[in-house]
C-alpha atoms as a PDB file:
ATOM      1  CA  UNK A   1       0.000   0.000   0.000  1.00  0.00           C
ATOM      2  CA  UNK A   2       1.205   3.456  -0.830  1.00  0.00           C
ATOM      3  CA  UNK A   3       1.718   5.843   2.056  1.00  0.00           C
ATOM      4  CA  UNK A   4       0.423   9.370   1.706  1.00  0.00           C
ATOM      5  CA  UNK A   5       2.363  12.566   2.242  1.00  0.00           C
ATOM      6  CA  UNK A   6       0.564  15.183   4.346  1.00  0.00           C
ATOM      7  CA  UNK A   7       1.267  18.055   1.971  1.00  0.00           C
ATOM      8  CA  UNK A   8       3.330  19.330  -0.915  1.00  0.00           C
ATOM      9  CA  UNK A   9       6.124  20.354   1.478  1.00  0.00           C
ATOM     10  CA  UNK A  10       6.918  16.687   2.141  1.00  0.00           C
ATOM     11  CA  UNK A  11       7.190  15.620  -1.502  1.00  0.00           C
ATOM     12  CA  UNK A  12      10.527  14.855  -3.149  1.00  0.00           C
ATOM     13  CA  UNK A  13      11.747  16.971  -6.064  1.00  0.00           C
ATOM     14  CA  UNK A  14      11.187  13.987  -8.377  1.00  0.00           C
ATOM     15  CA  UNK A  15       7.521  13.811  -7.337  1.00  0.00           C
ATOM     16  CA  UNK A  16       7.122  17.574  -7.709  1.00  0.00           C
ATOM     17  CA  UNK A  17       8.738  17.470 -11.164  1.00  0.00           C
ATOM     18  CA  UNK A  18       6.305  14.831 -12.412  1.00  0.00           C
ATOM     19  CA  UNK A  19       3.340  16.735 -10.988  1.00  0.00           C
ATOM     20  CA  UNK A  20       4.570  19.913 -12.709  1.00  0.00           C
ATOM     21  CA  UNK A  21       5.679  18.657 -16.136  1.00  0.00           C
ATOM     22  CA  UNK A  22       4.125  15.200 -16.339  1.00  0.00           C
ATOM     23  CA  UNK A  23       5.608  11.749 -16.190  1.00  0.00           C
ATOM     24  CA  UNK A  24       8.381  10.521 -18.474  1.00  0.00           C
ATOM     25  CA  UNK A  25       7.114   7.046 -19.362  1.00  0.00           C
ATOM     26  CA  UNK A  26       9.551   4.280 -20.282  1.00  0.00           C
ATOM     27  CA  UNK A  27       8.116   1.151 -21.892  1.00  0.00           C
ATOM     28  CA  UNK A  28       8.670  -2.040 -19.878  1.00  0.00           C
ATOM     29  CA  UNK A  29       6.729  -4.909 -21.426  1.00  0.00           C
ATOM     30  CA  UNK A  30       3.608  -6.138 -23.224  1.00  0.00           C
ATOM     31  CA  UNK A  31       1.305  -8.902 -22.068  1.00  0.00           C
ATOM     32  CA  UNK A  32      -0.884 -10.566 -24.704  1.00  0.00           C
ATOM     33  CA  UNK A  33      -4.320 -12.007 -23.920  1.00  0.00           C
ATOM     34  CA  UNK A  34      -5.482 -14.491 -26.537  1.00  0.00           C
ATOM     35  CA  UNK A  35      -9.052 -15.161 -27.553  1.00  0.00           C
ATOM     36  CA  UNK A  36     -10.492 -18.077 -29.450  1.00  0.00           C
ATOM     37  CA  UNK A  37      -8.389 -19.595 -32.231  1.00  0.00           C
ATOM     38  CA  UNK A  38      -5.267 -18.023 -30.652  1.00  0.00           C
ATOM     39  CA  UNK A  39      -6.142 -14.539 -31.908  1.00  0.00           C
ATOM     40  CA  UNK A  40      -4.978 -11.540 -29.886  1.00  0.00           C
ATOM     41  CA  UNK A  41      -7.885 -10.158 -27.837  1.00  0.00           C
ATOM     42  CA  UNK A  42      -6.057  -7.631 -25.659  1.00  0.00           C
ATOM     43  CA  UNK A  43      -2.597  -6.122 -25.237  1.00  0.00           C
ATOM     44  CA  UNK A  44      -1.578  -4.791 -21.831  1.00  0.00           C
ATOM     45  CA  UNK A  45       1.388  -2.425 -21.844  1.00  0.00           C
ATOM     46  CA  UNK A  46       3.407  -1.600 -18.750  1.00  0.00           C
ATOM     47  CA  UNK A  47       5.419   1.587 -18.257  1.00  0.00           C
ATOM     48  CA  UNK A  48       7.612   3.066 -15.549  1.00  0.00           C
ATOM     49  CA  UNK A  49       8.143   6.779 -14.959  1.00  0.00           C
ATOM     50  CA  UNK A  50      11.851   7.492 -15.187  1.00  0.00           C
ATOM     51  CA  UNK A  51      11.510  10.376 -12.698  1.00  0.00           C
ATOM     52  CA  UNK A  52       9.302   9.312  -9.805  1.00  0.00           C
ATOM     53  CA  UNK A  53       9.026   5.539 -10.416  1.00  0.00           C
ATOM     54  CA  UNK A  54       5.233   5.516 -10.787  1.00  0.00           C
ATOM     55  CA  UNK A  55       4.062   2.435 -12.682  1.00  0.00           C
ATOM     56  CA  UNK A  56       1.307   2.575 -15.322  1.00  0.00           C
ATOM     57  CA  UNK A  57      -0.552  -0.261 -16.989  1.00  0.00           C
ATOM     58  CA  UNK A  58      -2.800   0.244 -20.022  1.00  0.00           C
ATOM     59  CA  UNK A  59      -5.014  -2.448 -21.530  1.00  0.00           C
ATOM     60  CA  UNK A  60      -5.957  -2.074 -25.210  1.00  0.00           C
ATOM     61  CA  UNK A  61      -8.813  -3.864 -26.984  1.00  0.00           C
ATOM     62  CA  UNK A  62      -7.746  -5.579 -30.187  1.00  0.00           C
ATOM     63  CA  UNK A  63      -8.338  -4.926 -33.087  1.00  0.00           C
ATOM     64  CA  UNK A  64      -9.830  -1.475 -32.249  1.00  0.00           C
ATOM     65  CA  UNK A  65      -6.799  -0.398 -30.129  1.00  0.00           C
ATOM     66  CA  UNK A  66      -9.226   1.399 -27.805  1.00  0.00           C
ATOM     67  CA  UNK A  67      -8.017   1.836 -24.212  1.00  0.00           C
ATOM     68  CA  UNK A  68     -10.003  -0.520 -21.975  1.00  0.00           C
ATOM     69  CA  UNK A  69      -8.384   0.402 -18.690  1.00  0.00           C
ATOM     70  CA  UNK A  70      -5.517   2.359 -17.178  1.00  0.00           C
ATOM     71  CA  UNK A  71      -4.069   1.789 -13.710  1.00  0.00           C
ATOM     72  CA  UNK A  72      -1.313   3.472 -11.742  1.00  0.00           C
ATOM     73  CA  UNK A  73       0.838   2.305  -8.829  1.00  0.00           C
ATOM     74  CA  UNK A  74       2.405   5.223  -7.009  1.00  0.00           C
ATOM     75  CA  UNK A  75       5.574   5.048  -4.908  1.00  0.00           C
ATOM     76  CA  UNK A  76       5.390   5.798  -1.198  1.00  0.00           C
ATOM     77  CA  UNK A  77       4.941   9.501  -0.535  1.00  0.00           C
ATOM     78  CA  UNK A  78       3.560  10.416  -3.976  1.00  0.00           C
ATOM     79  CA  UNK A  79      -0.082  10.635  -2.955  1.00  0.00           C
ATOM     80  CA  UNK A  80      -1.266  13.375  -0.625  1.00  0.00           C
ATOM     81  CA  UNK A  81      -3.403  12.731   2.426  1.00  0.00           C
ATOM     82  CA  UNK A  82      -7.026  13.737   1.732  1.00  0.00           C
ATOM     83  CA  UNK A  83      -6.967  16.248   4.580  1.00  0.00           C
ATOM     84  CA  UNK A  84      -3.946  18.056   3.087  1.00  0.00           C
ATOM     85  CA  UNK A  85      -6.080  19.934   0.556  1.00  0.00           C
ATOM     86  CA  UNK A  86      -9.596  19.842   1.956  1.00  0.00           C
ATOM     87  CA  UNK A  87     -12.128  21.026  -0.592  1.00  0.00           C
ATOM     88  CA  UNK A  88      -9.665  21.413  -3.478  1.00  0.00           C
ATOM     89  CA  UNK A  89      -7.055  19.555  -5.501  1.00  0.00           C
ATOM     90  CA  UNK A  90      -3.332  20.162  -5.483  1.00  0.00           C
ATOM     91  CA  UNK A  91      -2.756  22.658  -8.293  1.00  0.00           C
ATOM     92  CA  UNK A  92       0.311  22.898 -10.499  1.00  0.00           C
ATOM     93  CA  UNK A  93       0.768  26.424  -9.084  1.00  0.00           C
ATOM     94  CA  UNK A  94       1.103  24.944  -5.580  1.00  0.00           C
ATOM     95  CA  UNK A  95       3.727  22.540  -6.923  1.00  0.00           C
ATOM     96  CA  UNK A  96       5.693  25.291  -8.695  1.00  0.00           C
ATOM     97  CA  UNK A  97       5.529  27.566  -5.636  1.00  0.00           C
ATOM     98  CA  UNK A  98       7.088  24.754  -3.565  1.00  0.00           C
ATOM     99  CA  UNK A  99       9.833  24.114  -6.155  1.00  0.00           C
ATOM    100  CA  UNK A 100      10.689  27.827  -6.360  1.00  0.00           C
ATOM    101  CA  UNK A 101      10.757  28.071  -2.552  1.00  0.00           C
ATOM    102  CA  UNK A 102      13.210  25.187  -2.330  1.00  0.00           C
ATOM    103  CA  UNK A 103      15.368  27.007  -4.890  1.00  0.00           C
ATOM    104  CA  UNK A 104      15.538  30.016  -2.591  1.00  0.00           C
ATOM    105  CA  UNK A 105      12.935  32.214  -4.258  1.00  0.00           C
ATOM    106  CA  UNK A 106      10.445  33.613  -1.788  1.00  0.00           C
ATOM    107  CA  UNK A 107       7.642  35.859  -2.938  1.00  0.00           C
END
Protein backbone atom coordinates (compact mmCIF):
# COMPACT_ATOMS: atom_id res chain seq x y z
CA UNK A 1 0.00 0.00 0.00
CA UNK A 2 1.20 3.46 -0.83
CA UNK A 3 1.72 5.84 2.06
CA UNK A 4 0.42 9.37 1.71
CA UNK A 5 2.36 12.57 2.24
CA UNK A 6 0.56 15.18 4.35
CA UNK A 7 1.27 18.06 1.97
CA UNK A 8 3.33 19.33 -0.91
CA UNK A 9 6.12 20.35 1.48
CA UNK A 10 6.92 16.69 2.14
CA UNK A 11 7.19 15.62 -1.50
CA UNK A 12 10.53 14.86 -3.15
CA UNK A 13 11.75 16.97 -6.06
CA UNK A 14 11.19 13.99 -8.38
CA UNK A 15 7.52 13.81 -7.34
CA UNK A 16 7.12 17.57 -7.71
CA UNK A 17 8.74 17.47 -11.16
CA UNK A 18 6.31 14.83 -12.41
CA UNK A 19 3.34 16.73 -10.99
CA UNK A 20 4.57 19.91 -12.71
CA UNK A 21 5.68 18.66 -16.14
CA UNK A 22 4.12 15.20 -16.34
CA UNK A 23 5.61 11.75 -16.19
CA UNK A 24 8.38 10.52 -18.47
CA UNK A 25 7.11 7.05 -19.36
CA UNK A 26 9.55 4.28 -20.28
CA UNK A 27 8.12 1.15 -21.89
CA UNK A 28 8.67 -2.04 -19.88
CA UNK A 29 6.73 -4.91 -21.43
CA UNK A 30 3.61 -6.14 -23.22
CA UNK A 31 1.30 -8.90 -22.07
CA UNK A 32 -0.88 -10.57 -24.70
CA UNK A 33 -4.32 -12.01 -23.92
CA UNK A 34 -5.48 -14.49 -26.54
CA UNK A 35 -9.05 -15.16 -27.55
CA UNK A 36 -10.49 -18.08 -29.45
CA UNK A 37 -8.39 -19.60 -32.23
CA UNK A 38 -5.27 -18.02 -30.65
CA UNK A 39 -6.14 -14.54 -31.91
CA UNK A 40 -4.98 -11.54 -29.89
CA UNK A 41 -7.88 -10.16 -27.84
CA UNK A 42 -6.06 -7.63 -25.66
CA UNK A 43 -2.60 -6.12 -25.24
CA UNK A 44 -1.58 -4.79 -21.83
CA UNK A 45 1.39 -2.43 -21.84
CA UNK A 46 3.41 -1.60 -18.75
CA UNK A 47 5.42 1.59 -18.26
CA UNK A 48 7.61 3.07 -15.55
CA UNK A 49 8.14 6.78 -14.96
CA UNK A 50 11.85 7.49 -15.19
CA UNK A 51 11.51 10.38 -12.70
CA UNK A 52 9.30 9.31 -9.81
CA UNK A 53 9.03 5.54 -10.42
CA UNK A 54 5.23 5.52 -10.79
CA UNK A 55 4.06 2.44 -12.68
CA UNK A 56 1.31 2.57 -15.32
CA UNK A 57 -0.55 -0.26 -16.99
CA UNK A 58 -2.80 0.24 -20.02
CA UNK A 59 -5.01 -2.45 -21.53
CA UNK A 60 -5.96 -2.07 -25.21
CA UNK A 61 -8.81 -3.86 -26.98
CA UNK A 62 -7.75 -5.58 -30.19
CA UNK A 63 -8.34 -4.93 -33.09
CA UNK A 64 -9.83 -1.48 -32.25
CA UNK A 65 -6.80 -0.40 -30.13
CA UNK A 66 -9.23 1.40 -27.80
CA UNK A 67 -8.02 1.84 -24.21
CA UNK A 68 -10.00 -0.52 -21.98
CA UNK A 69 -8.38 0.40 -18.69
CA UNK A 70 -5.52 2.36 -17.18
CA UNK A 71 -4.07 1.79 -13.71
CA UNK A 72 -1.31 3.47 -11.74
CA UNK A 73 0.84 2.30 -8.83
CA UNK A 74 2.40 5.22 -7.01
CA UNK A 75 5.57 5.05 -4.91
CA UNK A 76 5.39 5.80 -1.20
CA UNK A 77 4.94 9.50 -0.53
CA UNK A 78 3.56 10.42 -3.98
CA UNK A 79 -0.08 10.64 -2.96
CA UNK A 80 -1.27 13.37 -0.63
CA UNK A 81 -3.40 12.73 2.43
CA UNK A 82 -7.03 13.74 1.73
CA UNK A 83 -6.97 16.25 4.58
CA UNK A 84 -3.95 18.06 3.09
CA UNK A 85 -6.08 19.93 0.56
CA UNK A 86 -9.60 19.84 1.96
CA UNK A 87 -12.13 21.03 -0.59
CA UNK A 88 -9.67 21.41 -3.48
CA UNK A 89 -7.06 19.55 -5.50
CA UNK A 90 -3.33 20.16 -5.48
CA UNK A 91 -2.76 22.66 -8.29
CA UNK A 92 0.31 22.90 -10.50
CA UNK A 93 0.77 26.42 -9.08
CA UNK A 94 1.10 24.94 -5.58
CA UNK A 95 3.73 22.54 -6.92
CA UNK A 96 5.69 25.29 -8.69
CA UNK A 97 5.53 27.57 -5.64
CA UNK A 98 7.09 24.75 -3.57
CA UNK A 99 9.83 24.11 -6.16
CA UNK A 100 10.69 27.83 -6.36
CA UNK A 101 10.76 28.07 -2.55
CA UNK A 102 13.21 25.19 -2.33
CA UNK A 103 15.37 27.01 -4.89
CA UNK A 104 15.54 30.02 -2.59
CA UNK A 105 12.93 32.21 -4.26
CA UNK A 106 10.44 33.61 -1.79
CA UNK A 107 7.64 35.86 -2.94
